Amino acid sequence: MSSKQSWTKRLARTIVAASALAGIAVAGSQTVAHASTLAIPDVSEWQGKLTASQVANLKSQVSFVINRRQYGSSYTDLYATNNTALYVKYGIPFGEYDYARFTSAASAKTEAKDFYDRSNKNAKFYVLDFEENDVTSGTTNAAVKAWYDEMSALTNKKLVFYSYQSFATSYANTARQSFDAQWIANYSSTPTISYALWQYTDNNYLSALGEYTDNSKAVTTVHPITWWTDGVTTALADTSTSTSTASSSFTSSTDTTSSTTASTATSTASATSYAYSGYKAGQHIYLHKGATTYTDGSAIAAADRQKFYSISKVKSVTSDKSKQALYISSLGKWVLSQDATGYWVGQHGSFNLKHKLYIYSDVNLKNKKGSYYVAGDTVAGKVVKASSGQSYRIKTKLGYISGNTQYSDHAYYESLGSSTSIKTTKKLYEYSKSSFAKSSRSTAVSKGTTLKVTGIKKRSSGSRYFVLSNGKYVTALASYVTEK
């Protein structure tokens, strides 16, 4: 980069920073123009490999997208290249982010270079996602500043700092000030530090994707949407003005709750995007307030909505925004999957996670702890009801996670089905007592052994075990055995 480019960039950033501070200081008396209330999601491989149809529909639902490019230098997001190419094709402005895994200032520079080299150069801005302290040499502030300095030498595009509030102030409070904008996560309340973008939820439904994603709100008194998109717009904006404070001057989709129907959320899509349709018999659903009709067209009584029900059976359909119908025996009717949210009810012992799930310190999932589980983890936990009474959570040894069945599956076999035999997939032990105390181990069973079973039993914790034909017991964890 030439010295002239560096000088120009520093001048531009000085002006931007001064404008941002002024906007925060006098926002209460400013006239703020609101753009249309569109989503600002962040997307990674957890949302899957996006299709052309999904991205074409997404254009009318977002102001811009922030896509993960890498998880440190050693891991590239599986679908970043595909997804960002589709954003370009369909005219969706986007930024890219690097989930920081650097361990020092030197590795931060390397990580920044790898990030830039891998990125789609049509990105409007670049983000450092710094929410985990892996720094073992030097200080975290020095490492963050090294990342910033390296990116500044590589590009003139805007650089954005992301973290949750307590981590940002604890580990990067000095270095983050160099960035062009602050993107702060706080799910319990409005951030109390300066910010231009607020990630306020991890549970916003995007009908174009048929997925729940993180969602953010932009403070238009600090940076208008055009600042993020370089003037590119994805949909017509409401150009009316109103007087507002910085904390309420947002552009975003509204937060969705379990009582908001997916079918309502899909009304803005230009083509059908289906709600989650992977329910199984025996699972429980919460029937939404907005669920109005059964599949046969008859009305759902208001008194029957906003309650939990057990699913007796399921069937495939293609109706409205659903690909599945759920039979509720207590109502004697079929409902569409779009009109329900599935939750674990009762105790199941352990869960196999299908998505990355953040851990919270409270049952209402308002206070993120900063740690999380990843897809593929098996987590032991107790199912508890949220304070609203409209959803369930899983309480683990580390905190609370969502009990939505879309995000996890039970780790134990819970019924025999038609099978009377199981086959071990790992070495395990037979026990003479169902407590599985080490002193009650009787026989080691090698991988690949077929065992005859007569039943399956449940402990109070929700964990299960098989009763063998010889009177002994073995675990019913699906990671150790499979039905024959």
Foldseek 3Di string as FASTA:
>chain_A
DDPVLLVVLVVVLVVLLVLLVVLQVPQQFDKFWAWAQAWEFEDACLLPADDLQLLLQNLLRHFAYEYEQAAFLVGGGPRQVRVVVSCVVNVGAYEYEYADQDAELVSLLVRLVSSVVRHDVSHQEYEYEDQDHNHDPDALQSNLLSNVVNNSVVDSHFYEYEYAQVCCCPGHVPNRSSGSFYEYEAQQDQDPDRGQKYFHDQAAAAQSSLDGGTTIWGQVSSPNSCSNRVNGGSDGIDRDIDRDHSSPRTRHHDGDDQQDFVLVNCPSGPDARAHDADDAAFWKKAFHQPFFAFPVGDGDDNVPHRDMAGFHGKDADDDRRAGMWTQGVVVRTIHGPRRIWIFHDAAAFKKQWQAKWFFAADFQPRHTPSDIDGHGDIFGFDWDAGPVNRAIWTQGPVHITGRTVVTIGRQFDDWQPPFQKKFWQAWWFWFLDPVVDVVRTDDIDGHGDMFGFDTKDADNNNFIWTQGPVRIITGRGPNTMGTD
